Amino acid sequence: IVVEMGHEVIPVVEDTPVLAGVNGTDPFRQMDVFIE
């Protein structure tokens, strides 16, 4: 969901750092790859 929302939010932001809320306990993500 945060990846999908990134498509909606990041393109309209002009000059502000955008942070992702990451579910760090997700057992179905290889976290280093996901962060990258």
Full PDB file with SEQRES, HELIX, SHEET, SSBOND, CRYST1, ORIGX, SCALE, CONECT and MASTER records, all heavy atoms in Angstrom:
SEQRES   1 A   36  ILE VAL VAL GLU MET GLY HIS GLU VAL ILE PRO VAL VAL          
SEQRES   2 A   36  GLU ASP THR PRO VAL LEU ALA GLY VAL ASN GLY THR ASP          
SEQRES   3 A   36  PRO PHE ARG GLN MET ASP VAL PHE ILE GLU                      
HELIX    1 AA1 VAL A    2  VAL A    9  1                                   8    
HELIX    2 AA2 ILE A   10  VAL A   12  5                                   3    
HELIX    3 AA3 MET A   31  ILE A   35  1                                   5    
CRYST1    1.000    1.000    1.000  90.00  90.00  90.00 P 1           1          
ORIGX1      1.000000  0.000000  0.000000        0.00000                         
ORIGX2      0.000000  1.000000  0.000000        0.00000                         
ORIGX3      0.000000  0.000000  1.000000        0.00000                         
SCALE1      1.000000  0.000000  0.000000        0.00000                         
SCALE2      0.000000  1.000000  0.000000        0.00000                         
SCALE3      0.000000  0.000000  1.000000        0.00000                         
ATOM      1  N   ILE A   1       0.831  -1.205   0.000  1.00  0.00           N  
ATOM      2  CA  ILE A   1       0.000   0.000   0.000  1.00  0.00           C  
ATOM      3  C   ILE A   1       0.867   1.256   0.000  1.00  0.00           C  
ATOM      4  O   ILE A   1       0.576   2.227  -0.703  1.00  0.00           O  
ATOM      5  CB  ILE A   1      -0.972  -0.008   1.205  1.00  0.00           C  
ATOM      6  CG1 ILE A   1      -2.074  -1.042   0.970  1.00  0.00           C  
ATOM      7  CG2 ILE A   1      -1.592   1.378   1.427  1.00  0.00           C  
ATOM      8  CD1 ILE A   1      -2.959  -1.290   2.182  1.00  0.00           C  
ATOM      9  N   VAL A   2       1.949   1.249   0.772  1.00  0.00           N  
ATOM     10  CA  VAL A   2       2.788   2.449   0.810  1.00  0.00           C  
ATOM     11  C   VAL A   2       3.473   2.676  -0.531  1.00  0.00           C  
ATOM     12  O   VAL A   2       3.697   3.822  -0.945  1.00  0.00           O  
ATOM     13  CB  VAL A   2       3.799   2.393   1.981  1.00  0.00           C  
ATOM     14  CG1 VAL A   2       5.040   1.581   1.638  1.00  0.00           C  
ATOM     15  CG2 VAL A   2       4.226   3.795   2.396  1.00  0.00           C  
ATOM     16  N   VAL A   3       3.806   1.611  -1.232  1.00  0.00           N  
ATOM     17  CA  VAL A   3       4.366   1.756  -2.578  1.00  0.00           C  
ATOM     18  C   VAL A   3       3.326   2.379  -3.515  1.00  0.00           C  
ATOM     19  O   VAL A   3       3.626   3.309  -4.284  1.00  0.00           O  
ATOM     20  CB  VAL A   3       4.850   0.395  -3.121  1.00  0.00           C  
ATOM     21  CG1 VAL A   3       5.189   0.486  -4.606  1.00  0.00           C  
ATOM     22  CG2 VAL A   3       6.061  -0.093  -2.337  1.00  0.00           C  
ATOM     23  N   GLU A   4       2.081   1.883  -3.446  1.00  0.00           N  
ATOM     24  CA  GLU A   4       1.004   2.443  -4.266  1.00  0.00           C  
ATOM     25  C   GLU A   4       0.776   3.917  -3.946  1.00  0.00           C  
ATOM     26  O   GLU A   4       0.611   4.750  -4.851  1.00  0.00           O  
ATOM     27  CB  GLU A   4      -0.292   1.670  -4.027  1.00  0.00           C  
ATOM     28  CG  GLU A   4      -0.281   0.229  -4.507  1.00  0.00           C  
ATOM     29  CD  GLU A   4      -1.513  -0.532  -4.056  1.00  0.00           C  
ATOM     30  OE1 GLU A   4      -2.400   0.097  -3.417  1.00  0.00           O  
ATOM     31  OE2 GLU A   4      -1.603  -1.747  -4.314  1.00  0.00           O  
ATOM     32  N   MET A   5       0.770   4.241  -2.674  1.00  0.00           N  
ATOM     33  CA  MET A   5       0.552   5.627  -2.269  1.00  0.00           C  
ATOM     34  C   MET A   5       1.696   6.524  -2.731  1.00  0.00           C  
ATOM     35  O   MET A   5       1.495   7.707  -3.009  1.00  0.00           O  
ATOM     36  CB  MET A   5       0.382   5.707  -0.752  1.00  0.00           C  
ATOM     37  CG  MET A   5      -0.901   5.070  -0.251  1.00  0.00           C  
ATOM     38  SD  MET A   5      -0.970   4.997   1.547  1.00  0.00           S  
ATOM     39  CE  MET A   5      -1.152   6.734   1.959  1.00  0.00           C  
ATOM     40  N   GLY A   6       2.884   5.952  -2.806  1.00  0.00           N  
ATOM     41  CA  GLY A   6       4.026   6.712  -3.300  1.00  0.00           C  
ATOM     42  C   GLY A   6       3.788   7.226  -4.711  1.00  0.00           C  
ATOM     43  O   GLY A   6       4.171   8.357  -5.050  1.00  0.00           O  
ATOM     44  N   HIS A   7       3.126   6.411  -5.540  1.00  0.00           N  
ATOM     45  CA  HIS A   7       2.813   6.842  -6.907  1.00  0.00           C  
ATOM     46  C   HIS A   7       1.893   8.061  -6.894  1.00  0.00           C  
ATOM     47  O   HIS A   7       1.942   8.892  -7.809  1.00  0.00           O  
ATOM     48  CB  HIS A   7       2.123   5.715  -7.684  1.00  0.00           C  
ATOM     49  CG  HIS A   7       2.952   4.486  -7.863  1.00  0.00           C  
ATOM     50  ND1 HIS A   7       4.275   4.527  -8.244  1.00  0.00           N  
ATOM     51  CD2 HIS A   7       2.654   3.174  -7.719  1.00  0.00           C  
ATOM     52  CE1 HIS A   7       4.747   3.303  -8.338  1.00  0.00           C  
ATOM     53  NE2 HIS A   7       3.787   2.453  -8.008  1.00  0.00           N  
ATOM     54  N   GLU A   8       1.036   8.155  -5.875  1.00  0.00           N  
ATOM     55  CA  GLU A   8       0.071   9.243  -5.787  1.00  0.00           C  
ATOM     56  C   GLU A   8       0.676  10.503  -5.170  1.00  0.00           C  
ATOM     57  O   GLU A   8       0.339  11.630  -5.566  1.00  0.00           O  
ATOM     58  CB  GLU A   8      -1.126   8.800  -4.942  1.00  0.00           C  
ATOM     59  CG  GLU A   8      -1.839   7.559  -5.475  1.00  0.00           C  
ATOM     60  CD  GLU A   8      -2.731   6.900  -4.435  1.00  0.00           C  
ATOM     61  OE1 GLU A   8      -2.873   7.473  -3.325  1.00  0.00           O  
ATOM     62  OE2 GLU A   8      -3.287   5.819  -4.720  1.00  0.00           O  
ATOM     63  N   VAL A   9       1.568  10.315  -4.218  1.00  0.00           N  
ATOM     64  CA  VAL A   9       2.056  11.447  -3.425  1.00  0.00           C  
ATOM     65  C   VAL A   9       3.354  12.035  -3.960  1.00  0.00           C  
ATOM     66  O   VAL A   9       3.480  13.260  -4.121  1.00  0.00           O  
ATOM     67  CB  VAL A   9       2.234  11.023  -1.949  1.00  0.00           C  
ATOM     68  CG1 VAL A   9       2.951  12.109  -1.151  1.00  0.00           C  
ATOM     69  CG2 VAL A   9       0.885  10.695  -1.324  1.00  0.00           C  
ATOM     70  N   ILE A  10       4.342  11.205  -4.217  1.00  0.00           N  
ATOM     71  CA  ILE A  10       5.673  11.716  -4.564  1.00  0.00           C  
ATOM     72  C   ILE A  10       5.657  12.654  -5.777  1.00  0.00           C  
ATOM     73  O   ILE A  10       6.318  13.699  -5.759  1.00  0.00           O  
ATOM     74  CB  ILE A  10       6.668  10.552  -4.746  1.00  0.00           C  
ATOM     75  CG1 ILE A  10       6.954   9.907  -3.380  1.00  0.00           C  
ATOM     76  CG2 ILE A  10       7.969  11.021  -5.387  1.00  0.00           C  
ATOM     77  CD1 ILE A  10       7.822   8.661  -3.433  1.00  0.00           C  
ATOM     78  N   PRO A  11       4.899  12.371  -6.837  1.00  0.00           N  
ATOM     79  CA  PRO A  11       4.923  13.266  -7.994  1.00  0.00           C  
ATOM     80  C   PRO A  11       4.409  14.677  -7.733  1.00  0.00           C  
ATOM     81  O   PRO A  11       4.743  15.601  -8.489  1.00  0.00           O  
ATOM     82  CB  PRO A  11       4.027  12.549  -9.021  1.00  0.00           C  
ATOM     83  CG  PRO A  11       4.103  11.111  -8.649  1.00  0.00           C  
ATOM     84  CD  PRO A  11       4.147  11.122  -7.145  1.00  0.00           C  
ATOM     85  N   VAL A  12       3.583  14.879  -6.696  1.00  0.00           N  
ATOM     86  CA  VAL A  12       3.040  16.218  -6.452  1.00  0.00           C  
ATOM     87  C   VAL A  12       3.848  16.991  -5.420  1.00  0.00           C  
ATOM     88  O   VAL A  12       3.583  18.168  -5.178  1.00  0.00           O  
ATOM     89  CB  VAL A  12       1.558  16.164  -5.995  1.00  0.00           C  
ATOM     90  CG1 VAL A  12       0.718  15.432  -7.020  1.00  0.00           C  
ATOM     91  CG2 VAL A  12       1.404  15.525  -4.624  1.00  0.00           C  
ATOM     92  N   VAL A  13       4.840  16.341  -4.802  1.00  0.00           N  
ATOM     93  CA  VAL A  13       5.673  17.009  -3.795  1.00  0.00           C  
ATOM     94  C   VAL A  13       6.847  17.669  -4.501  1.00  0.00           C  
ATOM     95  O   VAL A  13       7.550  17.041  -5.288  1.00  0.00           O  
ATOM     96  CB  VAL A  13       6.169  15.995  -2.742  1.00  0.00           C  
ATOM     97  CG1 VAL A  13       7.125  16.665  -1.768  1.00  0.00           C  
ATOM     98  CG2 VAL A  13       4.982  15.394  -2.001  1.00  0.00           C  
ATOM     99  N   GLU A  14       7.069  18.945  -4.219  1.00  0.00           N  
ATOM    100  CA  GLU A  14       8.073  19.703  -4.954  1.00  0.00           C  
ATOM    101  C   GLU A  14       9.433  19.755  -4.267  1.00  0.00           C  
ATOM    102  O   GLU A  14      10.466  19.614  -4.928  1.00  0.00           O  
ATOM    103  CB  GLU A  14       7.562  21.125  -5.203  1.00  0.00           C  
ATOM    104  CG  GLU A  14       6.318  21.164  -6.092  1.00  0.00           C  
ATOM    105  CD  GLU A  14       5.823  22.570  -6.341  1.00  0.00           C  
ATOM    106  OE1 GLU A  14       6.423  23.534  -5.791  1.00  0.00           O  
ATOM    107  OE2 GLU A  14       4.838  22.723  -7.083  1.00  0.00           O  
ATOM    108  N   ASP A  15       9.454  19.958  -2.953  1.00  0.00           N  
ATOM    109  CA  ASP A  15      10.756  20.181  -2.315  1.00  0.00           C  
ATOM    110  C   ASP A  15      10.740  19.782  -0.842  1.00  0.00           C  
ATOM    111  O   ASP A  15      11.229  20.515   0.019  1.00  0.00           O  
ATOM    112  CB  ASP A  15      11.154  21.659  -2.451  1.00  0.00           C  
ATOM    113  CG  ASP A  15      12.600  21.906  -2.039  1.00  0.00           C  
ATOM    114  OD1 ASP A  15      13.461  21.044  -2.304  1.00  0.00           O  
ATOM    115  OD2 ASP A  15      12.871  22.970  -1.421  1.00  0.00           O  
ATOM    116  N   THR A  16      10.169  18.613  -0.540  1.00  0.00           N  
ATOM    117  CA  THR A  16      10.081  18.140   0.841  1.00  0.00           C  
ATOM    118  C   THR A  16      10.419  16.654   0.876  1.00  0.00           C  
ATOM    119  O   THR A  16       9.891  15.894   0.061  1.00  0.00           O  
ATOM    120  CB  THR A  16       8.654  18.351   1.404  1.00  0.00           C  
ATOM    121  OG1 THR A  16       8.281  19.722   1.239  1.00  0.00           O  
ATOM    122  CG2 THR A  16       8.586  17.987   2.879  1.00  0.00           C  
ATOM    123  N   PRO A  17      11.269  16.227   1.803  1.00  0.00           N  
ATOM    124  CA  PRO A  17      11.553  14.795   1.914  1.00  0.00           C  
ATOM    125  C   PRO A  17      10.286  13.995   2.224  1.00  0.00           C  
ATOM    126  O   PRO A  17       9.498  14.391   3.083  1.00  0.00           O  
ATOM    127  CB  PRO A  17      12.548  14.719   3.084  1.00  0.00           C  
ATOM    128  CG  PRO A  17      13.176  16.071   3.141  1.00  0.00           C  
ATOM    129  CD  PRO A  17      12.081  17.024   2.744  1.00  0.00           C  
ATOM    130  N   VAL A  18      10.102  12.899   1.503  1.00  0.00           N  
ATOM    131  CA  VAL A  18       8.951  12.019   1.712  1.00  0.00           C  
ATOM    132  C   VAL A  18       9.443  10.713   2.320  1.00  0.00           C  
ATOM    133  O   VAL A  18      10.364  10.080   1.795  1.00  0.00           O  
ATOM    134  CB  VAL A  18       8.213  11.735   0.391  1.00  0.00           C  
ATOM    135  CG1 VAL A  18       7.050  10.764   0.627  1.00  0.00           C  
ATOM    136  CG2 VAL A  18       7.704  13.039  -0.231  1.00  0.00           C  
ATOM    137  N   LEU A  19       8.839  10.321   3.436  1.00  0.00           N  
ATOM    138  CA  LEU A  19       9.226   9.101   4.142  1.00  0.00           C  
ATOM    139  C   LEU A  19       8.166   8.026   3.938  1.00  0.00           C  
ATOM    140  O   LEU A  19       6.975   8.330   3.834  1.00  0.00           O  
ATOM    141  CB  LEU A  19       9.394   9.359   5.643  1.00  0.00           C  
ATOM    142  CG  LEU A  19      10.712   9.978   6.117  1.00  0.00           C  
ATOM    143  CD1 LEU A  19      10.950  11.343   5.499  1.00  0.00           C  
ATOM    144  CD2 LEU A  19      10.708  10.100   7.640  1.00  0.00           C  
ATOM    145  N   ALA A  20       8.614   6.787   3.902  1.00  0.00           N  
ATOM    146  CA  ALA A  20       7.704   5.648   3.782  1.00  0.00           C  
ATOM    147  C   ALA A  20       7.496   5.010   5.143  1.00  0.00           C  
ATOM    148  O   ALA A  20       8.463   4.767   5.875  1.00  0.00           O  
ATOM    149  CB  ALA A  20       8.279   4.613   2.816  1.00  0.00           C  
ATOM    150  N   GLY A  21       6.245   4.728   5.469  1.00  0.00           N  
ATOM    151  CA  GLY A  21       5.962   3.929   6.651  1.00  0.00           C  
ATOM    152  C   GLY A  21       6.153   2.467   6.289  1.00  0.00           C  
ATOM    153  O   GLY A  21       5.425   1.929   5.454  1.00  0.00           O  
ATOM    154  N   VAL A  22       7.151   1.839   6.891  1.00  0.00           N  
ATOM    155  CA  VAL A  22       7.508   0.468   6.537  1.00  0.00           C  
ATOM    156  C   VAL A  22       7.107  -0.493   7.650  1.00  0.00           C  
ATOM    157  O   VAL A  22       7.409  -0.261   8.822  1.00  0.00           O  
ATOM    158  CB  VAL A  22       9.030   0.340   6.280  1.00  0.00           C  
ATOM    159  CG1 VAL A  22       9.408  -1.106   5.983  1.00  0.00           C  
ATOM    160  CG2 VAL A  22       9.449   1.250   5.136  1.00  0.00           C  
ATOM    161  N   ASN A  23       6.436  -1.567   7.253  1.00  0.00           N  
ATOM    162  CA  ASN A  23       6.093  -2.630   8.192  1.00  0.00           C  
ATOM    163  C   ASN A  23       7.322  -3.532   8.348  1.00  0.00           C  
ATOM    164  O   ASN A  23       7.525  -4.462   7.573  1.00  0.00           O  
ATOM    165  CB  ASN A  23       4.890  -3.418   7.682  1.00  0.00           C  
ATOM    166  CG  ASN A  23       4.468  -4.521   8.631  1.00  0.00           C  
ATOM    167  OD1 ASN A  23       5.008  -4.655   9.722  1.00  0.00           O  
ATOM    168  ND2 ASN A  23       3.509  -5.317   8.216  1.00  0.00           N  
ATOM    169  N   GLY A  24       8.124  -3.245   9.353  1.00  0.00           N  
ATOM    170  CA  GLY A  24       9.372  -3.967   9.538  1.00  0.00           C  
ATOM    171  C   GLY A  24       9.212  -5.411   9.958  1.00  0.00           C  
ATOM    172  O   GLY A  24      10.154  -6.205   9.835  1.00  0.00           O  
ATOM    173  N   THR A  25       8.031  -5.773  10.437  1.00  0.00           N  
ATOM    174  CA  THR A  25       7.816  -7.162  10.874  1.00  0.00           C  
ATOM    175  C   THR A  25       7.338  -8.058   9.735  1.00  0.00           C  
ATOM    176  O   THR A  25       7.132  -9.254   9.942  1.00  0.00           O  
ATOM    177  CB  THR A  25       6.782  -7.232  12.012  1.00  0.00           C  
ATOM    178  OG1 THR A  25       5.501  -6.829  11.505  1.00  0.00           O  
ATOM    179  CG2 THR A  25       7.183  -6.350  13.178  1.00  0.00           C  
ATOM    180  N   ASP A  26       7.154  -7.490   8.550  1.00  0.00           N  
ATOM    181  CA  ASP A  26       6.639  -8.235   7.403  1.00  0.00           C  
ATOM    182  C   ASP A  26       7.557  -9.419   7.079  1.00  0.00           C  
ATOM    183  O   ASP A  26       8.696  -9.226   6.648  1.00  0.00           O  
ATOM    184  CB  ASP A  26       6.555  -7.288   6.200  1.00  0.00           C  
ATOM    185  CG  ASP A  26       5.897  -7.927   4.983  1.00  0.00           C  
ATOM    186  OD1 ASP A  26       5.752  -9.164   4.955  1.00  0.00           O  
ATOM    187  OD2 ASP A  26       5.542  -7.170   4.057  1.00  0.00           O  
ATOM    188  N   PRO A  27       7.076 -10.655   7.259  1.00  0.00           N  
ATOM    189  CA  PRO A  27       7.934 -11.811   7.019  1.00  0.00           C  
ATOM    190  C   PRO A  27       8.055 -12.183   5.544  1.00  0.00           C  
ATOM    191  O   PRO A  27       8.784 -13.105   5.192  1.00  0.00           O  
ATOM    192  CB  PRO A  27       7.242 -12.928   7.803  1.00  0.00           C  
ATOM    193  CG  PRO A  27       5.795 -12.555   7.762  1.00  0.00           C  
ATOM    194  CD  PRO A  27       5.754 -11.052   7.786  1.00  0.00           C  
ATOM    195  N   PHE A  28       7.335 -11.445   4.678  1.00  0.00           N  
ATOM    196  CA  PHE A  28       7.338 -11.756   3.255  1.00  0.00           C  
ATOM    197  C   PHE A  28       8.119 -10.729   2.437  1.00  0.00           C  
ATOM    198  O   PHE A  28       7.984 -10.669   1.219  1.00  0.00           O  
ATOM    199  CB  PHE A  28       5.894 -11.858   2.742  1.00  0.00           C  
ATOM    200  CG  PHE A  28       5.109 -12.904   3.470  1.00  0.00           C  
ATOM    201  CD1 PHE A  28       4.189 -12.546   4.448  1.00  0.00           C  
ATOM    202  CD2 PHE A  28       5.312 -14.255   3.218  1.00  0.00           C  
ATOM    203  CE1 PHE A  28       3.469 -13.512   5.143  1.00  0.00           C  
ATOM    204  CE2 PHE A  28       4.600 -15.229   3.909  1.00  0.00           C  
ATOM    205  CZ  PHE A  28       3.681 -14.858   4.871  1.00  0.00           C  
ATOM    206  N   ARG A  29       8.936  -9.923   3.110  1.00  0.00           N  
ATOM    207  CA  ARG A  29       9.781  -8.951   2.435  1.00  0.00           C  
ATOM    208  C   ARG A  29      11.235  -9.207   2.796  1.00  0.00           C  
ATOM    209  O   ARG A  29      11.564  -9.405   3.974  1.00  0.00           O  
ATOM    210  CB  ARG A  29       9.432  -7.518   2.854  1.00  0.00           C  
ATOM    211  CG  ARG A  29       8.131  -6.954   2.309  1.00  0.00           C  
ATOM    212  CD  ARG A  29       8.192  -6.703   0.816  1.00  0.00           C  
ATOM    213  NE  ARG A  29       7.063  -5.929   0.328  1.00  0.00           N  
ATOM    214  CZ  ARG A  29       5.819  -6.366   0.194  1.00  0.00           C  
ATOM    215  NH1 ARG A  29       5.517  -7.595   0.538  1.00  0.00           N  
ATOM    216  NH2 ARG A  29       4.867  -5.597  -0.288  1.00  0.00           N  
ATOM    217  N   GLN A  30      12.105  -9.193   1.806  1.00  0.00           N  
ATOM    218  CA  GLN A  30      13.541  -9.157   2.069  1.00  0.00           C  
ATOM    219  C   GLN A  30      13.862  -7.696   2.290  1.00  0.00           C  
ATOM    220  O   GLN A  30      13.897  -6.908   1.343  1.00  0.00           O  
ATOM    221  CB  GLN A  30      14.326  -9.734   0.885  1.00  0.00           C  
ATOM    222  CG  GLN A  30      15.801  -9.912   1.175  1.00  0.00           C  
ATOM    223  CD  GLN A  30      16.520 -10.625   0.043  1.00  0.00           C  
ATOM    224  OE1 GLN A  30      15.906 -11.374  -0.726  1.00  0.00           O  
ATOM    225  NE2 GLN A  30      17.814 -10.387  -0.066  1.00  0.00           N  
ATOM    226  N   MET A  31      14.067  -7.313   3.546  1.00  0.00           N  
ATOM    227  CA  MET A  31      14.013  -5.909   3.915  1.00  0.00           C  
ATOM    228  C   MET A  31      15.090  -5.053   3.256  1.00  0.00           C  
ATOM    229  O   MET A  31      14.832  -3.904   2.881  1.00  0.00           O  
ATOM    230  CB  MET A  31      14.061  -5.772   5.438  1.00  0.00           C  
ATOM    231  CG  MET A  31      13.529  -4.440   5.948  1.00  0.00           C  
ATOM    232  SD  MET A  31      11.870  -3.981   5.318  1.00  0.00           S  
ATOM    233  CE  MET A  31      10.833  -5.265   6.007  1.00  0.00           C  
ATOM    234  N   ASP A  32      16.292  -5.581   3.073  1.00  0.00           N  
ATOM    235  CA  ASP A  32      17.319  -4.765   2.430  1.00  0.00           C  
ATOM    236  C   ASP A  32      16.944  -4.443   0.991  1.00  0.00           C  
ATOM    237  O   ASP A  32      17.143  -3.319   0.512  1.00  0.00           O  
ATOM    238  CB  ASP A  32      18.683  -5.454   2.503  1.00  0.00           C  
ATOM    239  CG  ASP A  32      18.692  -6.836   1.861  1.00  0.00           C  
ATOM    240  OD1 ASP A  32      17.619  -7.442   1.684  1.00  0.00           O  
ATOM    241  OD2 ASP A  32      19.799  -7.326   1.549  1.00  0.00           O  
ATOM    242  N   VAL A  33      16.339  -5.401   0.302  1.00  0.00           N  
ATOM    243  CA  VAL A  33      15.904  -5.182  -1.078  1.00  0.00           C  
ATOM    244  C   VAL A  33      14.733  -4.198  -1.116  1.00  0.00           C  
ATOM    245  O   VAL A  33      14.669  -3.309  -1.978  1.00  0.00           O  
ATOM    246  CB  VAL A  33      15.499  -6.522  -1.733  1.00  0.00           C  
ATOM    247  CG1 VAL A  33      14.921  -6.287  -3.129  1.00  0.00           C  
ATOM    248  CG2 VAL A  33      16.699  -7.457  -1.790  1.00  0.00           C  
ATOM    249  N   PHE A  34      13.807  -4.343  -0.175  1.00  0.00           N  
ATOM    250  CA  PHE A  34      12.634  -3.457  -0.140  1.00  0.00           C  
ATOM    251  C   PHE A  34      13.051  -2.015   0.139  1.00  0.00           C  
ATOM    252  O   PHE A  34      12.562  -1.080  -0.509  1.00  0.00           O  
ATOM    253  CB  PHE A  34      11.642  -3.944   0.914  1.00  0.00           C  
ATOM    254  CG  PHE A  34      10.358  -3.153   0.943  1.00  0.00           C  
ATOM    255  CD1 PHE A  34       9.551  -3.074  -0.186  1.00  0.00           C  
ATOM    256  CD2 PHE A  34       9.959  -2.498   2.092  1.00  0.00           C  
ATOM    257  CE1 PHE A  34       8.369  -2.348  -0.169  1.00  0.00           C  
ATOM    258  CE2 PHE A  34       8.778  -1.775   2.122  1.00  0.00           C  
ATOM    259  CZ  PHE A  34       7.976  -1.696   0.988  1.00  0.00           C  
ATOM    260  N   ILE A  35      13.964  -1.811   1.093  1.00  0.00           N  
ATOM    261  CA  ILE A  35      14.447  -0.468   1.408  1.00  0.00           C  
ATOM    262  C   ILE A  35      15.125   0.144   0.185  1.00  0.00           C  
ATOM    263  O   ILE A  35      14.904   1.320  -0.159  1.00  0.00           O  
ATOM    264  CB  ILE A  35      15.428  -0.504   2.599  1.00  0.00           C  
ATOM    265  CG1 ILE A  35      14.717  -0.964   3.882  1.00  0.00           C  
ATOM    266  CG2 ILE A  35      16.086   0.864   2.798  1.00  0.00           C  
ATOM    267  CD1 ILE A  35      13.688  -0.020   4.416  1.00  0.00           C  
ATOM    268  N   GLU A  36      15.939  -0.645  -0.487  1.00  0.00           N  
ATOM    269  CA  GLU A  36      16.611  -0.164  -1.695  1.00  0.00           C  
ATOM    270  C   GLU A  36      15.595   0.245  -2.766  1.00  0.00           C  
ATOM    271  O   GLU A  36      15.758   1.254  -3.460  1.00  0.00           O  
ATOM    272  CB  GLU A  36      17.543  -1.247  -2.235  1.00  0.00           C  
ATOM    273  CG  GLU A  36      18.398  -0.813  -3.409  1.00  0.00           C  
ATOM    274  CD  GLU A  36      19.356  -1.896  -3.843  1.00  0.00           C  
ATOM    275  OE1 GLU A  36      19.283  -3.030  -3.323  1.00  0.00           O  
ATOM    276  OE2 GLU A  36      20.192  -1.608  -4.724  1.00  0.00           O  
TER     277      GLU A  36                                                      
MASTER        0    0    0    3    0    0    0    6  276    1    0    3          
END                                                                             
